[in-house]
Amino acid sequence: MSAPDVLALPRLPCDAEGPVFAEPWQAQAFALTLRLHERGAFTWPEWAEALSRQLAADPGDDGTRYYDHWVAALEGLVMGRKLARNDELEARKAAWKAAYLRTPHGKPVEL
């Protein structure tokens, strides 16, 4: 199974060479989504539907919250497919938040 045509996604911030990421976490969320798709966790139409629902719920977004919607769609699919338990997801979020808060400005966040 090959990677889908990511440039066909609605409101995806892109330049002439492809997707543009303002923060490293956005690239990581993008890569995780592609990896889960490649492993058969969901089909590309299922992903497109999940992301479309998230984007439609915020019609005023000018694209600046695109990856927030991306992560919310991914979380919804992960939970819906029971790829992770809610407590596992919440623990991971808490760990990342703690890591972010203790990381000096300009340094990479690491768990």
PDB file of N, CA and C in Angstrom:
ATOM      1  N   MET A   1       0.851  -1.173   0.000  1.00  0.00           N
ATOM      2  CA  MET A   1       0.000   0.000   0.000  1.00  0.00           C
ATOM      3  C   MET A   1       0.899   1.238   0.000  1.00  0.00           C
ATOM      4  N   SER A   2       0.699   2.138  -0.899  1.00  0.00           N
ATOM      5  CA  SER A   2       1.528   3.326  -0.979  1.00  0.00           C
ATOM      6  C   SER A   2       0.880   4.473  -0.217  1.00  0.00           C
ATOM      7  N   ALA A   3       1.701   5.467   0.108  1.00  0.00           N
ATOM      8  CA  ALA A   3       1.195   6.641   0.817  1.00  0.00           C
ATOM      9  C   ALA A   3       0.198   7.368  -0.067  1.00  0.00           C
ATOM     10  N   PRO A   4      -0.856   7.906   0.524  1.00  0.00           N
ATOM     11  CA  PRO A   4      -1.864   8.626  -0.251  1.00  0.00           C
ATOM     12  C   PRO A   4      -1.321   9.948  -0.764  1.00  0.00           C
ATOM     13  N   ASP A   5      -2.053  10.547  -1.667  1.00  0.00           N
ATOM     14  CA  ASP A   5      -1.681  11.853  -2.183  1.00  0.00           C
ATOM     15  C   ASP A   5      -2.027  12.908  -1.137  1.00  0.00           C
ATOM     16  N   VAL A   6      -1.054  13.238  -0.304  1.00  0.00           N
ATOM     17  CA  VAL A   6      -1.310  14.149   0.806  1.00  0.00           C
ATOM     18  C   VAL A   6      -1.603  15.565   0.334  1.00  0.00           C
ATOM     19  N   LEU A   7      -1.202  15.897  -0.856  1.00  0.00           N
ATOM     20  CA  LEU A   7      -1.452  17.248  -1.342  1.00  0.00           C
ATOM     21  C   LEU A   7      -2.914  17.477  -1.706  1.00  0.00           C
ATOM     22  N   ALA A   8      -3.709  16.419  -1.741  1.00  0.00           N
ATOM     23  CA  ALA A   8      -5.128  16.550  -2.057  1.00  0.00           C
ATOM     24  C   ALA A   8      -5.974  16.845  -0.822  1.00  0.00           C
ATOM     25  N   LEU A   9      -5.352  16.940   0.344  1.00  0.00           N
ATOM     26  CA  LEU A   9      -6.101  17.188   1.574  1.00  0.00           C
ATOM     27  C   LEU A   9      -6.560  18.639   1.649  1.00  0.00           C
ATOM     28  N   PRO A  10      -7.778  18.877   2.142  1.00  0.00           N
ATOM     29  CA  PRO A  10      -8.289  20.240   2.224  1.00  0.00           C
ATOM     30  C   PRO A  10      -7.532  21.059   3.267  1.00  0.00           C
ATOM     31  N   ARG A  11      -7.203  22.270   2.906  1.00  0.00           N
ATOM     32  CA  ARG A  11      -6.565  23.262   3.782  1.00  0.00           C
ATOM     33  C   ARG A  11      -5.202  22.845   4.322  1.00  0.00           C
ATOM     34  N   LEU A  12      -4.565  21.836   3.767  1.00  0.00           N
ATOM     35  CA  LEU A  12      -3.240  21.422   4.218  1.00  0.00           C
ATOM     36  C   LEU A  12      -2.244  22.506   3.854  1.00  0.00           C
ATOM     37  N   PRO A  13      -1.551  23.084   4.846  1.00  0.00           N
ATOM     38  CA  PRO A  13      -0.541  24.098   4.538  1.00  0.00           C
ATOM     39  C   PRO A  13       0.584  23.482   3.704  1.00  0.00           C
ATOM     40  N   CYS A  14       0.785  23.998   2.499  1.00  0.00           N
ATOM     41  CA  CYS A  14       1.792  23.458   1.573  1.00  0.00           C
ATOM     42  C   CYS A  14       2.550  24.600   0.896  1.00  0.00           C
ATOM     43  N   ASP A  15       3.724  24.251   0.420  1.00  0.00           N
ATOM     44  CA  ASP A  15       4.421  25.116  -0.510  1.00  0.00           C
ATOM     45  C   ASP A  15       4.630  24.305  -1.784  1.00  0.00           C
ATOM     46  N   ALA A  16       5.483  24.759  -2.682  1.00  0.00           N
ATOM     47  CA  ALA A  16       5.670  24.081  -3.958  1.00  0.00           C
ATOM     48  C   ALA A  16       6.232  22.666  -3.802  1.00  0.00           C
ATOM     49  N   GLU A  17       6.891  22.385  -2.678  1.00  0.00           N
ATOM     50  CA  GLU A  17       7.521  21.085  -2.483  1.00  0.00           C
ATOM     51  C   GLU A  17       6.696  20.116  -1.644  1.00  0.00           C
ATOM     52  N   GLY A  18       5.599  20.572  -1.064  1.00  0.00           N
ATOM     53  CA  GLY A  18       4.768  19.679  -0.267  1.00  0.00           C
ATOM     54  C   GLY A  18       4.312  20.316   1.029  1.00  0.00           C
ATOM     55  N   PRO A  19       3.916  19.473   1.991  1.00  0.00           N
ATOM     56  CA  PRO A  19       3.405  19.986   3.261  1.00  0.00           C
ATOM     57  C   PRO A  19       4.427  20.861   3.992  1.00  0.00           C
ATOM     58  N   VAL A  20       3.909  21.864   4.683  1.00  0.00           N
ATOM     59  CA  VAL A  20       4.735  22.788   5.451  1.00  0.00           C
ATOM     60  C   VAL A  20       4.356  22.635   6.919  1.00  0.00           C
ATOM     61  N   PHE A  21       5.355  22.519   7.765  1.00  0.00           N
ATOM     62  CA  PHE A  21       5.124  22.350   9.193  1.00  0.00           C
ATOM     63  C   PHE A  21       5.724  23.533   9.949  1.00  0.00           C
ATOM     64  N   ALA A  22       4.905  24.172  10.781  1.00  0.00           N
ATOM     65  CA  ALA A  22       5.377  25.297  11.577  1.00  0.00           C
ATOM     66  C   ALA A  22       6.123  24.823  12.821  1.00  0.00           C
ATOM     67  N   GLU A  23       5.822  23.623  13.274  1.00  0.00           N
ATOM     68  CA  GLU A  23       6.413  23.064  14.484  1.00  0.00           C
ATOM     69  C   GLU A  23       6.762  21.604  14.247  1.00  0.00           C
ATOM     70  N   PRO A  24       7.790  21.085  14.928  1.00  0.00           N
ATOM     71  CA  PRO A  24       8.150  19.673  14.757  1.00  0.00           C
ATOM     72  C   PRO A  24       7.015  18.698  15.082  1.00  0.00           C
ATOM     73  N   TRP A  25       6.172  19.024  16.060  1.00  0.00           N
ATOM     74  CA  TRP A  25       5.096  18.099  16.426  1.00  0.00           C
ATOM     75  C   TRP A  25       4.126  17.893  15.272  1.00  0.00           C
ATOM     76  N   GLN A  26       3.991  18.902  14.415  1.00  0.00           N
ATOM     77  CA  GLN A  26       3.093  18.765  13.278  1.00  0.00           C
ATOM     78  C   GLN A  26       3.626  17.720  12.298  1.00  0.00           C
ATOM     79  N   ALA A  27       4.919  17.759  12.050  1.00  0.00           N
ATOM     80  CA  ALA A  27       5.536  16.757  11.171  1.00  0.00           C
ATOM     81  C   ALA A  27       5.424  15.369  11.783  1.00  0.00           C
ATOM     82  N   GLN A  28       5.565  15.277  13.094  1.00  0.00           N
ATOM     83  CA  GLN A  28       5.456  13.984  13.767  1.00  0.00           C
ATOM     84  C   GLN A  28       4.038  13.440  13.675  1.00  0.00           C
ATOM     85  N   ALA A  29       3.039  14.305  13.857  1.00  0.00           N
ATOM     86  CA  ALA A  29       1.646  13.870  13.738  1.00  0.00           C
ATOM     87  C   ALA A  29       1.347  13.424  12.314  1.00  0.00           C
ATOM     88  N   PHE A  30       1.871  14.131  11.352  1.00  0.00           N
ATOM     89  CA  PHE A  30       1.707  13.786   9.948  1.00  0.00           C
ATOM     90  C   PHE A  30       2.322  12.413   9.674  1.00  0.00           C
ATOM     91  N   ALA A  31       3.559  12.224  10.124  1.00  0.00           N
ATOM     92  CA  ALA A  31       4.258  10.952   9.896  1.00  0.00           C
ATOM     93  C   ALA A  31       3.558   9.799  10.600  1.00  0.00           C
ATOM     94  N   LEU A  32       3.073  10.026  11.809  1.00  0.00           N
ATOM     95  CA  LEU A  32       2.369   8.974  12.541  1.00  0.00           C
ATOM     96  C   LEU A  32       1.102   8.556  11.797  1.00  0.00           C
ATOM     97  N   THR A  33       0.399   9.524  11.264  1.00  0.00           N
ATOM     98  CA  THR A  33      -0.815   9.219  10.506  1.00  0.00           C
ATOM     99  C   THR A  33      -0.495   8.361   9.286  1.00  0.00           C
ATOM    100  N   LEU A  34       0.526   8.746   8.551  1.00  0.00           N
ATOM    101  CA  LEU A  34       0.910   7.957   7.375  1.00  0.00           C
ATOM    102  C   LEU A  34       1.342   6.547   7.773  1.00  0.00           C
ATOM    103  N   ARG A  35       2.073   6.433   8.861  1.00  0.00           N
ATOM    104  CA  ARG A  35       2.533   5.114   9.311  1.00  0.00           C
ATOM    105  C   ARG A  35       1.355   4.219   9.714  1.00  0.00           C
ATOM    106  N   LEU A  36       0.403   4.780  10.459  1.00  0.00           N
ATOM    107  CA  LEU A  36      -0.766   3.999  10.858  1.00  0.00           C
ATOM    108  C   LEU A  36      -1.574   3.574   9.631  1.00  0.00           C
ATOM    109  N   HIS A  37      -1.697   4.479   8.675  1.00  0.00           N
ATOM    110  CA  HIS A  37      -2.388   4.129   7.435  1.00  0.00           C
ATOM    111  C   HIS A  37      -1.663   2.988   6.715  1.00  0.00           C
ATOM    112  N   GLU A  38      -0.348   3.088   6.603  1.00  0.00           N
ATOM    113  CA  GLU A  38       0.440   2.054   5.924  1.00  0.00           C
ATOM    114  C   GLU A  38       0.309   0.698   6.614  1.00  0.00           C
ATOM    115  N   ARG A  39       0.116   0.710   7.920  1.00  0.00           N
ATOM    116  CA  ARG A  39      -0.027  -0.536   8.682  1.00  0.00           C
ATOM    117  C   ARG A  39      -1.461  -1.058   8.704  1.00  0.00           C
ATOM    118  N   GLY A  40      -2.360  -0.355   8.030  1.00  0.00           N
ATOM    119  CA  GLY A  40      -3.728  -0.829   7.910  1.00  0.00           C
ATOM    120  C   GLY A  40      -4.654  -0.441   9.044  1.00  0.00           C
ATOM    121  N   ALA A  41      -4.261   0.536   9.850  1.00  0.00           N
ATOM    122  CA  ALA A  41      -5.109   0.952  10.966  1.00  0.00           C
ATOM    123  C   ALA A  41      -6.395   1.607  10.474  1.00  0.00           C
ATOM    124  N   PHE A  42      -6.340   2.237   9.319  1.00  0.00           N
ATOM    125  CA  PHE A  42      -7.503   2.850   8.696  1.00  0.00           C
ATOM    126  C   PHE A  42      -7.203   3.057   7.221  1.00  0.00           C
ATOM    127  N   THR A  43      -8.255   3.164   6.441  1.00  0.00           N
ATOM    128  CA  THR A  43      -8.084   3.426   5.016  1.00  0.00           C
ATOM    129  C   THR A  43      -7.923   4.926   4.800  1.00  0.00           C
ATOM    130  N   TRP A  44      -7.438   5.279   3.630  1.00  0.00           N
ATOM    131  CA  TRP A  44      -7.305   6.705   3.362  1.00  0.00           C
ATOM    132  C   TRP A  44      -8.668   7.395   3.308  1.00  0.00           C
ATOM    133  N   PRO A  45      -9.712   6.792   2.711  1.00  0.00           N
ATOM    134  CA  PRO A  45     -11.036   7.434   2.771  1.00  0.00           C
ATOM    135  C   PRO A  45     -11.540   7.611   4.214  1.00  0.00           C
ATOM    136  N   GLU A  46     -11.263   6.654   5.081  1.00  0.00           N
ATOM    137  CA  GLU A  46     -11.661   6.800   6.491  1.00  0.00           C
ATOM    138  C   GLU A  46     -10.931   7.981   7.124  1.00  0.00           C
ATOM    139  N   TRP A  47      -9.639   8.107   6.822  1.00  0.00           N
ATOM    140  CA  TRP A  47      -8.870   9.237   7.366  1.00  0.00           C
ATOM    141  C   TRP A  47      -9.413  10.555   6.826  1.00  0.00           C
ATOM    142  N   ALA A  48      -9.656  10.615   5.527  1.00  0.00           N
ATOM    143  CA  ALA A  48     -10.160  11.846   4.932  1.00  0.00           C
ATOM    144  C   ALA A  48     -11.498  12.252   5.544  1.00  0.00           C
ATOM    145  N   GLU A  49     -12.354  11.275   5.805  1.00  0.00           N
ATOM    146  CA  GLU A  49     -13.650  11.557   6.429  1.00  0.00           C
ATOM    147  C   GLU A  49     -13.465  12.087   7.850  1.00  0.00           C
ATOM    148  N   ALA A  50     -12.595  11.469   8.619  1.00  0.00           N
ATOM    149  CA  ALA A  50     -12.349  11.907  10.006  1.00  0.00           C
ATOM    150  C   ALA A  50     -11.796  13.326  10.028  1.00  0.00           C
ATOM    151  N   LEU A  51     -10.825  13.604   9.169  1.00  0.00           N
ATOM    152  CA  LEU A  51     -10.246  14.944   9.131  1.00  0.00           C
ATOM    153  C   LEU A  51     -11.259  15.961   8.626  1.00  0.00           C
ATOM    154  N   SER A  52     -12.029  15.594   7.626  1.00  0.00           N
ATOM    155  CA  SER A  52     -13.055  16.505   7.094  1.00  0.00           C
ATOM    156  C   SER A  52     -14.068  16.890   8.164  1.00  0.00           C
ATOM    157  N   ARG A  53     -14.472  15.906   8.985  1.00  0.00           N
ATOM    158  CA  ARG A  53     -15.408  16.209  10.080  1.00  0.00           C
ATOM    159  C   ARG A  53     -14.802  17.223  11.043  1.00  0.00           C
ATOM    160  N   GLN A  54     -13.545  17.038  11.380  1.00  0.00           N
ATOM    161  CA  GLN A  54     -12.881  17.968  12.300  1.00  0.00           C
ATOM    162  C   GLN A  54     -12.786  19.371  11.701  1.00  0.00           C
ATOM    163  N   LEU A  55     -12.412  19.442  10.442  1.00  0.00           N
ATOM    164  CA  LEU A  55     -12.291  20.746   9.782  1.00  0.00           C
ATOM    165  C   LEU A  55     -13.645  21.429   9.642  1.00  0.00           C
ATOM    166  N   ALA A  56     -14.674  20.662   9.331  1.00  0.00           N
ATOM    167  CA  ALA A  56     -16.017  21.225   9.165  1.00  0.00           C
ATOM    168  C   ALA A  56     -16.564  21.775  10.473  1.00  0.00           C
ATOM    169  N   ALA A  57     -16.117  21.207  11.589  1.00  0.00           N
ATOM    170  CA  ALA A  57     -16.586  21.667  12.896  1.00  0.00           C
ATOM    171  C   ALA A  57     -16.007  23.033  13.264  1.00  0.00           C
ATOM    172  N   ASP A  58     -15.017  23.514  12.502  1.00  0.00           N
ATOM    173  CA  ASP A  58     -14.390  24.807  12.774  1.00  0.00           C
ATOM    174  C   ASP A  58     -14.252  25.584  11.471  1.00  0.00           C
ATOM    175  N   PRO A  59     -15.385  26.035  10.896  1.00  0.00           N
ATOM    176  CA  PRO A  59     -15.329  26.696   9.586  1.00  0.00           C
ATOM    177  C   PRO A  59     -14.563  28.018   9.600  1.00  0.00           C
ATOM    178  N   GLY A  60     -14.355  28.600  10.763  1.00  0.00           N
ATOM    179  CA  GLY A  60     -13.629  29.866  10.840  1.00  0.00           C
ATOM    180  C   GLY A  60     -12.115  29.709  10.859  1.00  0.00           C
ATOM    181  N   ASP A  61     -11.647  28.477  10.902  1.00  0.00           N
ATOM    182  CA  ASP A  61     -10.201  28.256  10.925  1.00  0.00           C
ATOM    183  C   ASP A  61      -9.601  28.692   9.601  1.00  0.00           C
ATOM    184  N   ASP A  62      -8.583  29.523   9.686  1.00  0.00           N
ATOM    185  CA  ASP A  62      -7.909  30.014   8.479  1.00  0.00           C
ATOM    186  C   ASP A  62      -6.726  29.136   8.081  1.00  0.00           C
ATOM    187  N   GLY A  63      -6.631  27.982   8.704  1.00  0.00           N
ATOM    188  CA  GLY A  63      -5.518  27.071   8.441  1.00  0.00           C
ATOM    189  C   GLY A  63      -4.499  27.042   9.554  1.00  0.00           C
ATOM    190  N   THR A  64      -4.571  28.004  10.473  1.00  0.00           N
ATOM    191  CA  THR A  64      -3.588  28.060  11.558  1.00  0.00           C
ATOM    192  C   THR A  64      -3.792  26.943  12.580  1.00  0.00           C
ATOM    193  N   ARG A  65      -4.983  26.394  12.655  1.00  0.00           N
ATOM    194  CA  ARG A  65      -5.260  25.298  13.602  1.00  0.00           C
ATOM    195  C   ARG A  65      -5.374  23.956  12.880  1.00  0.00           C
ATOM    196  N   TYR A  66      -4.904  23.913  11.652  1.00  0.00           N
ATOM    197  CA  TYR A  66      -5.035  22.714  10.832  1.00  0.00           C
ATOM    198  C   TYR A  66      -4.510  21.477  11.542  1.00  0.00           C
ATOM    199  N   TYR A  67      -3.330  21.546  12.104  1.00  0.00           N
ATOM    200  CA  TYR A  67      -2.753  20.355  12.723  1.00  0.00           C
ATOM    201  C   TYR A  67      -3.383  20.027  14.075  1.00  0.00           C
ATOM    202  N   ASP A  68      -4.003  20.998  14.719  1.00  0.00           N
ATOM    203  CA  ASP A  68      -4.809  20.684  15.905  1.00  0.00           C
ATOM    204  C   ASP A  68      -5.976  19.792  15.493  1.00  0.00           C
ATOM    205  N   HIS A  69      -6.608  20.138  14.373  1.00  0.00           N
ATOM    206  CA  HIS A  69      -7.699  19.313  13.841  1.00  0.00           C
ATOM    207  C   HIS A  69      -7.167  17.955  13.400  1.00  0.00           C
ATOM    208  N   TRP A  70      -5.988  17.956  12.831  1.00  0.00           N
ATOM    209  CA  TRP A  70      -5.342  16.717  12.382  1.00  0.00           C
ATOM    210  C   TRP A  70      -5.190  15.760  13.560  1.00  0.00           C
ATOM    211  N   VAL A  71      -4.638  16.272  14.662  1.00  0.00           N
ATOM    212  CA  VAL A  71      -4.415  15.428  15.843  1.00  0.00           C
ATOM    213  C   VAL A  71      -5.748  14.955  16.418  1.00  0.00           C
ATOM    214  N   ALA A  72      -6.734  15.834  16.468  1.00  0.00           N
ATOM    215  CA  ALA A  72      -8.047  15.431  16.984  1.00  0.00           C
ATOM    216  C   ALA A  72      -8.652  14.316  16.129  1.00  0.00           C
ATOM    217  N   ALA A  73      -8.506  14.412  14.814  1.00  0.00           N
ATOM    218  CA  ALA A  73      -9.019  13.359  13.924  1.00  0.00           C
ATOM    219  C   ALA A  73      -8.258  12.053  14.162  1.00  0.00           C
ATOM    220  N   LEU A  74      -6.960  12.157  14.319  1.00  0.00           N
ATOM    221  CA  LEU A  74      -6.153  10.963  14.556  1.00  0.00           C
ATOM    222  C   LEU A  74      -6.519  10.314  15.889  1.00  0.00           C
ATOM    223  N   GLU A  75      -6.680  11.127  16.929  1.00  0.00           N
ATOM    224  CA  GLU A  75      -7.087  10.589  18.233  1.00  0.00           C
ATOM    225  C   GLU A  75      -8.426   9.882  18.121  1.00  0.00           C
ATOM    226  N   GLY A  76      -9.354  10.477  17.383  1.00  0.00           N
ATOM    227  CA  GLY A  76     -10.669   9.855  17.220  1.00  0.00           C
ATOM    228  C   GLY A  76     -10.583   8.491  16.551  1.00  0.00           C
ATOM    229  N   LEU A  77      -9.767   8.393  15.516  1.00  0.00           N
ATOM    230  CA  LEU A  77      -9.605   7.099  14.845  1.00  0.00           C
ATOM    231  C   LEU A  77      -8.899   6.092  15.746  1.00  0.00           C
ATOM    232  N   VAL A  78      -7.875   6.530  16.433  1.00  0.00           N
ATOM    233  CA  VAL A  78      -7.139   5.627  17.332  1.00  0.00           C
ATOM    234  C   VAL A  78      -8.063   5.091  18.414  1.00  0.00           C
ATOM    235  N   MET A  79      -8.867   5.955  18.993  1.00  0.00           N
ATOM    236  CA  MET A  79      -9.780   5.516  20.040  1.00  0.00           C
ATOM    237  C   MET A  79     -10.899   4.653  19.450  1.00  0.00           C
ATOM    238  N   GLY A  80     -11.429   5.055  18.317  1.00  0.00           N
ATOM    239  CA  GLY A  80     -12.501   4.293  17.679  1.00  0.00           C
ATOM    240  C   GLY A  80     -12.074   2.897  17.254  1.00  0.00           C
ATOM    241  N   ARG A  81     -10.812   2.772  16.876  1.00  0.00           N
ATOM    242  CA  ARG A  81     -10.278   1.472  16.455  1.00  0.00           C
ATOM    243  C   ARG A  81      -9.693   0.682  17.629  1.00  0.00           C
ATOM    244  N   LYS A  82      -9.744   1.310  18.804  1.00  0.00           N
ATOM    245  CA  LYS A  82      -9.203   0.690  20.018  1.00  0.00           C
ATOM    246  C   LYS A  82      -7.723   0.333  19.854  1.00  0.00           C
ATOM    247  N   LEU A  83      -6.986   1.241  19.196  1.00  0.00           N
ATOM    248  CA  LEU A  83      -5.546   1.071  19.045  1.00  0.00           C
ATOM    249  C   LEU A  83      -4.817   1.491  20.318  1.00  0.00           C
ATOM    250  N   ALA A  84      -5.501   2.242  21.152  1.00  0.00           N
ATOM    251  CA  ALA A  84      -4.975   2.652  22.453  1.00  0.00           C
ATOM    252  C   ALA A  84      -6.175   2.887  23.369  1.00  0.00           C
ATOM    253  N   ARG A  85      -5.944   2.667  24.646  1.00  0.00           N
ATOM    254  CA  ARG A  85      -7.002   2.948  25.627  1.00  0.00           C
ATOM    255  C   ARG A  85      -6.963   4.434  25.974  1.00  0.00           C
ATOM    256  N   ASN A  86      -8.090   4.955  26.418  1.00  0.00           N
ATOM    257  CA  ASN A  86      -8.182   6.364  26.777  1.00  0.00           C
ATOM    258  C   ASN A  86      -7.159   6.733  27.846  1.00  0.00           C
ATOM    259  N   ASP A  87      -6.982   5.871  28.863  1.00  0.00           N
ATOM    260  CA  ASP A  87      -6.023   6.192  29.913  1.00  0.00           C
ATOM    261  C   ASP A  87      -4.595   6.244  29.368  1.00  0.00           C
ATOM    262  N   GLU A  88      -4.288   5.405  28.377  1.00  0.00           N
ATOM    263  CA  GLU A  88      -2.968   5.439  27.755  1.00  0.00           C
ATOM    264  C   GLU A  88      -2.764   6.753  26.988  1.00  0.00           C
ATOM    265  N   LEU A  89      -3.787   7.157  26.260  1.00  0.00           N
ATOM    266  CA  LEU A  89      -3.715   8.401  25.504  1.00  0.00           C
ATOM    267  C   LEU A  89      -3.561   9.593  26.444  1.00  0.00           C
ATOM    268  N   GLU A  90      -4.340   9.623  27.514  1.00  0.00           N
ATOM    269  CA  GLU A  90      -4.252  10.723  28.476  1.00  0.00           C
ATOM    270  C   GLU A  90      -2.892  10.748  29.178  1.00  0.00           C
ATOM    271  N   ALA A  91      -2.351   9.579  29.507  1.00  0.00           N
ATOM    272  CA  ALA A  91      -1.028   9.517  30.139  1.00  0.00           C
ATOM    273  C   ALA A  91       0.050  10.043  29.193  1.00  0.00           C
ATOM    274  N   ARG A  92      -0.065   9.692  27.917  1.00  0.00           N
ATOM    275  CA  ARG A  92       0.922  10.172  26.933  1.00  0.00           C
ATOM    276  C   ARG A  92       0.837  11.682  26.768  1.00  0.00           C
ATOM    277  N   LYS A  93      -0.389  12.218  26.720  1.00  0.00           N
ATOM    278  CA  LYS A  93      -0.570  13.665  26.620  1.00  0.00           C
ATOM    279  C   LYS A  93       0.037  14.368  27.829  1.00  0.00           C
ATOM    280  N   ALA A  94      -0.200  13.822  29.011  1.00  0.00           N
ATOM    281  CA  ALA A  94       0.343  14.413  30.236  1.00  0.00           C
ATOM    282  C   ALA A  94       1.864  14.375  30.231  1.00  0.00           C
ATOM    283  N   ALA A  95       2.437  13.275  29.753  1.00  0.00           N
ATOM    284  CA  ALA A  95       3.901  13.160  29.692  1.00  0.00           C
ATOM    285  C   ALA A  95       4.482  14.196  28.730  1.00  0.00           C
ATOM    286  N   TRP A  96       3.848  14.378  27.569  1.00  0.00           N
ATOM    287  CA  TRP A  96       4.332  15.377  26.619  1.00  0.00           C
ATOM    288  C   TRP A  96       4.183  16.790  27.177  1.00  0.00           C
ATOM    289  N   LYS A  97       3.079  17.058  27.858  1.00  0.00           N
ATOM    290  CA  LYS A  97       2.890  18.392  28.442  1.00  0.00           C
ATOM    291  C   LYS A  97       3.963  18.670  29.486  1.00  0.00           C
ATOM    292  N   ALA A  98       4.241  17.703  30.347  1.00  0.00           N
ATOM    293  CA  ALA A  98       5.281  17.872  31.362  1.00  0.00           C
ATOM    294  C   ALA A  98       6.647  18.082  30.712  1.00  0.00           C
ATOM    295  N   ALA A  99       6.925  17.318  29.661  1.00  0.00           N
ATOM    296  CA  ALA A  99       8.201  17.462  28.960  1.00  0.00           C
ATOM    297  C   ALA A  99       8.307  18.840  28.319  1.00  0.00           C
ATOM    298  N   TYR A 100       7.220  19.301  27.730  1.00  0.00           N
ATOM    299  CA  TYR A 100       7.199  20.626  27.111  1.00  0.00           C
ATOM    300  C   TYR A 100       7.462  21.717  28.147  1.00  0.00           C
ATOM    301  N   LEU A 101       6.804  21.611  29.289  1.00  0.00           N
ATOM    302  CA  LEU A 101       6.933  22.638  30.315  1.00  0.00           C
ATOM    303  C   LEU A 101       8.331  22.688  30.939  1.00  0.00           C
ATOM    304  N   ARG A 102       9.041  21.583  30.950  1.00  0.00           N
ATOM    305  CA  ARG A 102      10.384  21.587  31.549  1.00  0.00           C
ATOM    306  C   ARG A 102      11.499  21.838  30.529  1.00  0.00           C
ATOM    307  N   THR A 103      11.121  21.935  29.246  1.00  0.00           N
ATOM    308  CA  THR A 103      12.123  22.131  28.197  1.00  0.00           C
ATOM    309  C   THR A 103      12.408  23.621  27.999  1.00  0.00           C
ATOM    310  N   PRO A 104      13.678  24.019  28.046  1.00  0.00           N
ATOM    311  CA  PRO A 104      14.016  25.411  27.799  1.00  0.00           C
ATOM    312  C   PRO A 104      13.613  25.842  26.383  1.00  0.00           C
ATOM    313  N   HIS A 105      13.239  27.102  26.264  1.00  0.00           N
ATOM    314  CA  HIS A 105      12.821  27.640  24.977  1.00  0.00           C
ATOM    315  C   HIS A 105      13.914  27.411  23.923  1.00  0.00           C
ATOM    316  N   GLY A 106      13.482  26.957  22.761  1.00  0.00           N
ATOM    317  CA  GLY A 106      14.409  26.741  21.656  1.00  0.00           C
ATOM    318  C   GLY A 106      15.053  25.368  21.630  1.00  0.00           C
ATOM    319  N   LYS A 107      14.837  24.592  22.659  1.00  0.00           N
ATOM    320  CA  LYS A 107      15.393  23.240  22.714  1.00  0.00           C
ATOM    321  C   LYS A 107      14.335  22.239  22.280  1.00  0.00           C
ATOM    322  N   PRO A 108      14.740  21.096  21.722  1.00  0.00           N
ATOM    323  CA  PRO A 108      13.749  20.088  21.330  1.00  0.00           C
ATOM    324  C   PRO A 108      13.112  19.443  22.557  1.00  0.00           C
ATOM    325  N   VAL A 109      11.832  19.182  22.459  1.00  0.00           N
ATOM    326  CA  VAL A 109      11.098  18.521  23.537  1.00  0.00           C
ATOM    327  C   VAL A 109      11.331  17.019  23.423  1.00  0.00           C
ATOM    328  N   GLU A 110      11.720  16.420  24.527  1.00  0.00           N
ATOM    329  CA  GLU A 110      11.951  14.977  24.550  1.00  0.00           C
ATOM    330  C   GLU A 110      11.252  14.382  25.755  1.00  0.00           C
ATOM    331  N   LEU A 111      10.703  13.197  25.561  1.00  0.00           N
ATOM    332  CA  LEU A 111      10.097  12.471  26.679  1.00  0.00           C
ATOM    333  C   LEU A 111      11.198  11.822  27.488  1.00  0.00           C
TER     334      LEU A 111
END
